[in-house]
Amino acid sequence: MAERLRIPGISPIFKVPDDLIRYQQAKSRILFLGSCSIAGRKMHEAAIEVYLHAARSGSVPTELLAGVPKDPFTGKDFAYQKTEEGFTLTRWTDDDTDWRSQLEFKVR
């Protein structure tokens, strides 16, 4: 079954094939998953910088290092916290009211 679609100022009603609708839904899911992986990759790149610092200095830094990758969507630094076993990186929502993802990294 095709869905009828009206685009103001362009044309009268035309039909959108079901395949196109399914394609758009799949494309939206792929773009969402891709955006999650971009942020995750940036978090891992920041973690690698912290690991390299720990390897050079012998300890995990108390604050997030300057110049590490930032959250690609907010442009802000990831929240960093030193823990007993290593550190955590957290990605917050745009308004800083809730976290989107948090990764824990252990350092030996």
N, C-alpha and C. Protein backbone atom coordinates (compact mmCIF):
# COMPACT_ATOMS: atom_id res chain seq x y z
N MET A 1 0.84 -1.17 0.00
CA MET A 1 0.00 0.00 0.00
C MET A 1 0.89 1.24 0.00
N ALA A 2 0.62 2.14 -0.89
CA ALA A 2 1.40 3.37 -0.97
C ALA A 2 0.75 4.45 -0.12
N GLU A 3 1.57 5.27 0.44
CA GLU A 3 1.10 6.37 1.30
C GLU A 3 0.97 7.62 0.44
N ARG A 4 -0.11 8.36 0.63
CA ARG A 4 -0.30 9.61 -0.11
C ARG A 4 0.40 10.74 0.65
N LEU A 5 1.07 11.57 -0.10
CA LEU A 5 1.84 12.64 0.51
C LEU A 5 1.54 13.95 -0.19
N ARG A 6 1.30 15.02 0.56
CA ARG A 6 1.04 16.33 -0.03
C ARG A 6 2.17 17.26 0.40
N ILE A 7 2.84 17.83 -0.58
CA ILE A 7 3.90 18.79 -0.33
C ILE A 7 3.39 20.16 -0.75
N PRO A 8 3.17 21.06 0.22
CA PRO A 8 2.60 22.38 -0.11
C PRO A 8 3.46 23.14 -1.11
N GLY A 9 2.82 23.73 -2.10
CA GLY A 9 3.50 24.59 -3.06
C GLY A 9 4.29 23.86 -4.11
N ILE A 10 4.29 22.53 -4.10
CA ILE A 10 5.10 21.82 -5.08
C ILE A 10 4.23 21.09 -6.09
N SER A 11 3.34 20.29 -5.62
CA SER A 11 2.52 19.53 -6.55
C SER A 11 1.26 19.08 -5.84
N PRO A 12 0.32 18.62 -6.62
CA PRO A 12 -0.83 18.00 -5.96
C PRO A 12 -0.37 16.69 -5.29
N ILE A 13 -1.30 15.90 -4.89
CA ILE A 13 -0.97 14.65 -4.19
C ILE A 13 -0.24 13.70 -5.14
N PHE A 14 0.82 13.05 -4.62
CA PHE A 14 1.48 11.98 -5.38
C PHE A 14 1.72 10.82 -4.44
N LYS A 15 1.99 9.65 -5.00
CA LYS A 15 2.16 8.45 -4.20
C LYS A 15 3.62 8.19 -3.91
N VAL A 16 3.88 7.78 -2.67
CA VAL A 16 5.23 7.39 -2.27
C VAL A 16 5.22 5.87 -2.13
N PRO A 17 6.02 5.17 -2.93
CA PRO A 17 6.02 3.71 -2.86
C PRO A 17 6.46 3.21 -1.48
N ASP A 18 5.92 2.07 -1.09
CA ASP A 18 6.28 1.47 0.19
C ASP A 18 7.78 1.25 0.31
N ASP A 19 8.42 0.88 -0.79
CA ASP A 19 9.86 0.64 -0.74
C ASP A 19 10.62 1.89 -0.34
N LEU A 20 10.18 3.04 -0.83
CA LEU A 20 10.84 4.30 -0.48
C LEU A 20 10.67 4.61 1.01
N ILE A 21 9.48 4.33 1.53
CA ILE A 21 9.23 4.55 2.95
C ILE A 21 10.13 3.64 3.79
N ARG A 22 10.22 2.37 3.43
CA ARG A 22 11.09 1.43 4.16
C ARG A 22 12.55 1.85 4.04
N TYR A 23 12.95 2.35 2.87
CA TYR A 23 14.32 2.83 2.67
C TYR A 23 14.62 3.99 3.61
N GLN A 24 13.69 4.95 3.70
CA GLN A 24 13.89 6.12 4.58
C GLN A 24 13.97 5.70 6.04
N GLN A 25 13.15 4.73 6.45
CA GLN A 25 13.20 4.24 7.83
C GLN A 25 14.55 3.57 8.12
N ALA A 26 15.02 2.75 7.20
CA ALA A 26 16.31 2.09 7.38
C ALA A 26 17.45 3.11 7.41
N LYS A 27 17.37 4.10 6.53
CA LYS A 27 18.40 5.14 6.48
C LYS A 27 18.44 5.91 7.80
N SER A 28 17.28 6.21 8.37
CA SER A 28 17.23 6.91 9.65
C SER A 28 17.89 6.09 10.76
N ARG A 29 17.63 4.77 10.78
CA ARG A 29 18.25 3.91 11.80
C ARG A 29 19.76 3.88 11.63
N ILE A 30 20.22 3.79 10.39
CA ILE A 30 21.66 3.74 10.13
C ILE A 30 22.33 5.04 10.55
N LEU A 31 21.70 6.18 10.24
CA LEU A 31 22.26 7.47 10.64
C LEU A 31 22.32 7.61 12.15
N PHE A 32 21.29 7.11 12.86
CA PHE A 32 21.30 7.17 14.32
C PHE A 32 22.43 6.32 14.87
N LEU A 33 22.56 5.09 14.39
CA LEU A 33 23.63 4.21 14.87
C LEU A 33 24.99 4.79 14.52
N GLY A 34 25.11 5.40 13.35
CA GLY A 34 26.37 6.02 12.96
C GLY A 34 26.76 7.16 13.87
N SER A 35 25.77 7.97 14.27
CA SER A 35 26.08 9.09 15.16
C SER A 35 26.52 8.59 16.52
N CYS A 36 25.94 7.48 16.98
CA CYS A 36 26.37 6.91 18.26
C CYS A 36 27.80 6.41 18.16
N SER A 37 28.16 5.81 17.03
CA SER A 37 29.51 5.27 16.91
C SER A 37 30.54 6.40 16.77
N ILE A 38 30.16 7.53 16.18
CA ILE A 38 31.09 8.66 16.09
C ILE A 38 31.42 9.17 17.48
N ALA A 39 30.42 9.36 18.32
CA ALA A 39 30.65 9.84 19.68
C ALA A 39 31.45 8.80 20.47
N GLY A 40 31.12 7.53 20.29
CA GLY A 40 31.86 6.47 20.98
C GLY A 40 33.32 6.43 20.57
N ARG A 41 33.56 6.63 19.28
CA ARG A 41 34.94 6.63 18.80
C ARG A 41 35.73 7.79 19.41
N LYS A 42 35.09 8.95 19.50
CA LYS A 42 35.76 10.11 20.10
C LYS A 42 36.04 9.86 21.58
N MET A 43 35.12 9.19 22.28
CA MET A 43 35.36 8.86 23.69
C MET A 43 36.56 7.92 23.81
N HIS A 44 36.66 6.95 22.93
CA HIS A 44 37.79 6.03 22.96
C HIS A 44 39.10 6.72 22.60
N GLU A 45 39.06 7.66 21.68
CA GLU A 45 40.27 8.43 21.35
C GLU A 45 40.74 9.23 22.56
N ALA A 46 39.79 9.83 23.29
CA ALA A 46 40.15 10.57 24.51
C ALA A 46 40.74 9.61 25.54
N ALA A 47 40.15 8.42 25.66
CA ALA A 47 40.66 7.42 26.61
C ALA A 47 42.08 6.99 26.26
N ILE A 48 42.37 6.86 24.98
CA ILE A 48 43.72 6.48 24.55
C ILE A 48 44.73 7.53 24.99
N GLU A 49 44.36 8.80 24.87
CA GLU A 49 45.26 9.88 25.32
C GLU A 49 45.51 9.78 26.83
N VAL A 50 44.47 9.46 27.59
CA VAL A 50 44.63 9.31 29.04
C VAL A 50 45.54 8.11 29.35
N TYR A 51 45.32 6.99 28.63
CA TYR A 51 46.19 5.81 28.81
C TYR A 51 47.64 6.14 28.49
N LEU A 52 47.88 6.87 27.41
CA LEU A 52 49.25 7.23 27.04
C LEU A 52 49.88 8.10 28.12
N HIS A 53 49.11 9.03 28.65
CA HIS A 53 49.61 9.87 29.73
C HIS A 53 49.96 9.01 30.96
N ALA A 54 49.08 8.06 31.30
CA ALA A 54 49.33 7.18 32.44
C ALA A 54 50.57 6.32 32.22
N ALA A 55 50.78 5.89 31.00
CA ALA A 55 51.96 5.07 30.69
C ALA A 55 53.25 5.88 30.83
N ARG A 56 53.18 7.15 30.40
CA ARG A 56 54.38 8.01 30.48
C ARG A 56 54.68 8.47 31.90
N SER A 57 53.64 8.83 32.64
CA SER A 57 53.85 9.44 33.96
C SER A 57 53.73 8.44 35.12
N GLY A 58 53.11 7.31 34.87
CA GLY A 58 52.95 6.32 35.92
C GLY A 58 51.66 6.46 36.71
N SER A 59 50.83 7.48 36.38
CA SER A 59 49.55 7.62 37.08
C SER A 59 48.51 8.25 36.16
N VAL A 60 47.26 7.99 36.48
CA VAL A 60 46.14 8.56 35.74
C VAL A 60 46.00 10.03 36.13
N PRO A 61 45.78 10.93 35.18
CA PRO A 61 45.64 12.35 35.53
C PRO A 61 44.41 12.60 36.40
N THR A 62 44.45 13.65 37.19
CA THR A 62 43.32 13.99 38.04
C THR A 62 42.24 14.74 37.26
N GLU A 63 42.62 15.37 36.16
CA GLU A 63 41.67 16.09 35.29
C GLU A 63 41.86 15.63 33.86
N LEU A 64 40.82 15.82 33.05
CA LEU A 64 40.92 15.47 31.64
C LEU A 64 41.98 16.33 30.98
N LEU A 65 42.81 15.71 30.18
CA LEU A 65 43.91 16.41 29.53
C LEU A 65 43.40 17.42 28.51
N ALA A 66 44.12 18.50 28.35
CA ALA A 66 43.78 19.50 27.34
C ALA A 66 44.08 18.92 25.96
N GLY A 67 43.25 19.24 25.00
CA GLY A 67 43.50 18.83 23.62
C GLY A 67 42.97 17.46 23.24
N VAL A 68 42.34 16.74 24.18
CA VAL A 68 41.77 15.44 23.80
C VAL A 68 40.48 15.69 23.01
N PRO A 69 40.04 14.70 22.21
CA PRO A 69 38.82 14.89 21.43
C PRO A 69 37.62 15.24 22.33
N LYS A 70 36.74 16.05 21.78
CA LYS A 70 35.53 16.49 22.49
C LYS A 70 34.32 15.74 21.95
N ASP A 71 33.21 15.90 22.63
CA ASP A 71 31.95 15.33 22.16
C ASP A 71 31.63 15.98 20.81
N PRO A 72 31.49 15.20 19.76
CA PRO A 72 31.29 15.80 18.43
C PRO A 72 29.94 16.50 18.26
N PHE A 73 29.00 16.25 19.16
CA PHE A 73 27.67 16.84 19.01
C PHE A 73 27.48 18.09 19.85
N THR A 74 28.14 18.16 21.01
CA THR A 74 27.99 19.34 21.86
C THR A 74 29.20 20.25 21.78
N GLY A 75 30.34 19.71 21.34
CA GLY A 75 31.58 20.48 21.30
C GLY A 75 32.22 20.66 22.66
N LYS A 76 31.66 20.00 23.67
CA LYS A 76 32.18 20.10 25.03
C LYS A 76 33.10 18.93 25.34
N ASP A 77 33.94 19.11 26.38
CA ASP A 77 34.76 18.00 26.85
C ASP A 77 33.85 16.92 27.42
N PHE A 78 34.30 15.67 27.32
CA PHE A 78 33.61 14.60 28.01
C PHE A 78 33.84 14.80 29.51
N ALA A 79 32.88 14.42 30.32
CA ALA A 79 33.07 14.48 31.77
C ALA A 79 34.07 13.39 32.14
N TYR A 80 35.06 13.74 32.93
CA TYR A 80 36.13 12.83 33.30
C TYR A 80 36.16 12.68 34.81
N GLN A 81 36.31 11.44 35.26
CA GLN A 81 36.44 11.21 36.70
C GLN A 81 37.46 10.11 36.92
N LYS A 82 38.43 10.40 37.76
CA LYS A 82 39.43 9.41 38.16
C LYS A 82 38.77 8.48 39.18
N THR A 83 38.99 7.18 39.02
CA THR A 83 38.43 6.19 39.94
C THR A 83 39.57 5.39 40.56
N GLU A 84 39.23 4.50 41.49
CA GLU A 84 40.26 3.67 42.14
C GLU A 84 40.95 2.76 41.13
N GLU A 85 40.20 2.29 40.14
CA GLU A 85 40.76 1.34 39.17
C GLU A 85 41.16 1.99 37.84
N GLY A 86 40.87 3.25 37.65
CA GLY A 86 41.18 3.91 36.39
C GLY A 86 40.46 5.23 36.26
N PHE A 87 39.51 5.30 35.30
CA PHE A 87 38.77 6.54 35.08
C PHE A 87 37.50 6.26 34.30
N THR A 88 36.60 7.22 34.31
CA THR A 88 35.38 7.14 33.51
C THR A 88 35.29 8.37 32.61
N LEU A 89 34.68 8.18 31.46
CA LEU A 89 34.33 9.28 30.56
C LEU A 89 32.83 9.22 30.36
N THR A 90 32.19 10.38 30.46
CA THR A 90 30.74 10.45 30.33
C THR A 90 30.37 11.48 29.29
N ARG A 91 29.38 11.14 28.49
CA ARG A 91 28.85 12.05 27.47
C ARG A 91 27.47 12.51 27.94
N TRP A 92 27.31 13.82 28.11
CA TRP A 92 26.07 14.39 28.63
C TRP A 92 25.16 14.87 27.50
N THR A 93 23.90 15.09 27.84
CA THR A 93 22.95 15.67 26.88
C THR A 93 23.33 17.12 26.63
N ASP A 94 22.74 17.72 25.63
CA ASP A 94 23.07 19.10 25.26
C ASP A 94 22.87 20.08 26.41
N ASP A 95 21.87 19.84 27.24
CA ASP A 95 21.59 20.77 28.35
C ASP A 95 22.19 20.31 29.68
N ASP A 96 23.05 19.31 29.64
CA ASP A 96 23.75 18.80 30.83
C ASP A 96 22.83 18.28 31.93
N THR A 97 21.63 17.85 31.59
CA THR A 97 20.71 17.37 32.62
C THR A 97 20.78 15.86 32.81
N ASP A 98 21.28 15.13 31.84
CA ASP A 98 21.33 13.68 31.94
C ASP A 98 22.47 13.16 31.06
N TRP A 99 23.04 12.03 31.42
CA TRP A 99 24.12 11.50 30.60
C TRP A 99 23.58 10.59 29.53
N ARG A 100 24.25 10.59 28.39
CA ARG A 100 23.87 9.74 27.26
C ARG A 100 24.61 8.41 27.31
N SER A 101 25.89 8.47 27.60
CA SER A 101 26.67 7.24 27.68
C SER A 101 27.85 7.46 28.62
N GLN A 102 28.26 6.37 29.24
CA GLN A 102 29.38 6.44 30.16
C GLN A 102 30.22 5.19 29.96
N LEU A 103 31.54 5.40 29.86
CA LEU A 103 32.46 4.28 29.70
C LEU A 103 33.44 4.29 30.86
N GLU A 104 33.72 3.10 31.39
CA GLU A 104 34.68 2.96 32.47
C GLU A 104 35.92 2.28 31.92
N PHE A 105 37.08 2.84 32.23
CA PHE A 105 38.35 2.31 31.76
C PHE A 105 39.21 1.95 32.96
N LYS A 106 39.81 0.77 32.91
CA LYS A 106 40.67 0.32 34.01
C LYS A 106 42.13 0.44 33.61
N VAL A 107 42.95 0.85 34.56
CA VAL A 107 44.39 1.02 34.33
C VAL A 107 45.11 0.15 35.35
N ARG A 108 46.05 -0.63 34.87
CA ARG A 108 46.83 -1.51 35.77
C ARG A 108 48.16 -0.91 36.09
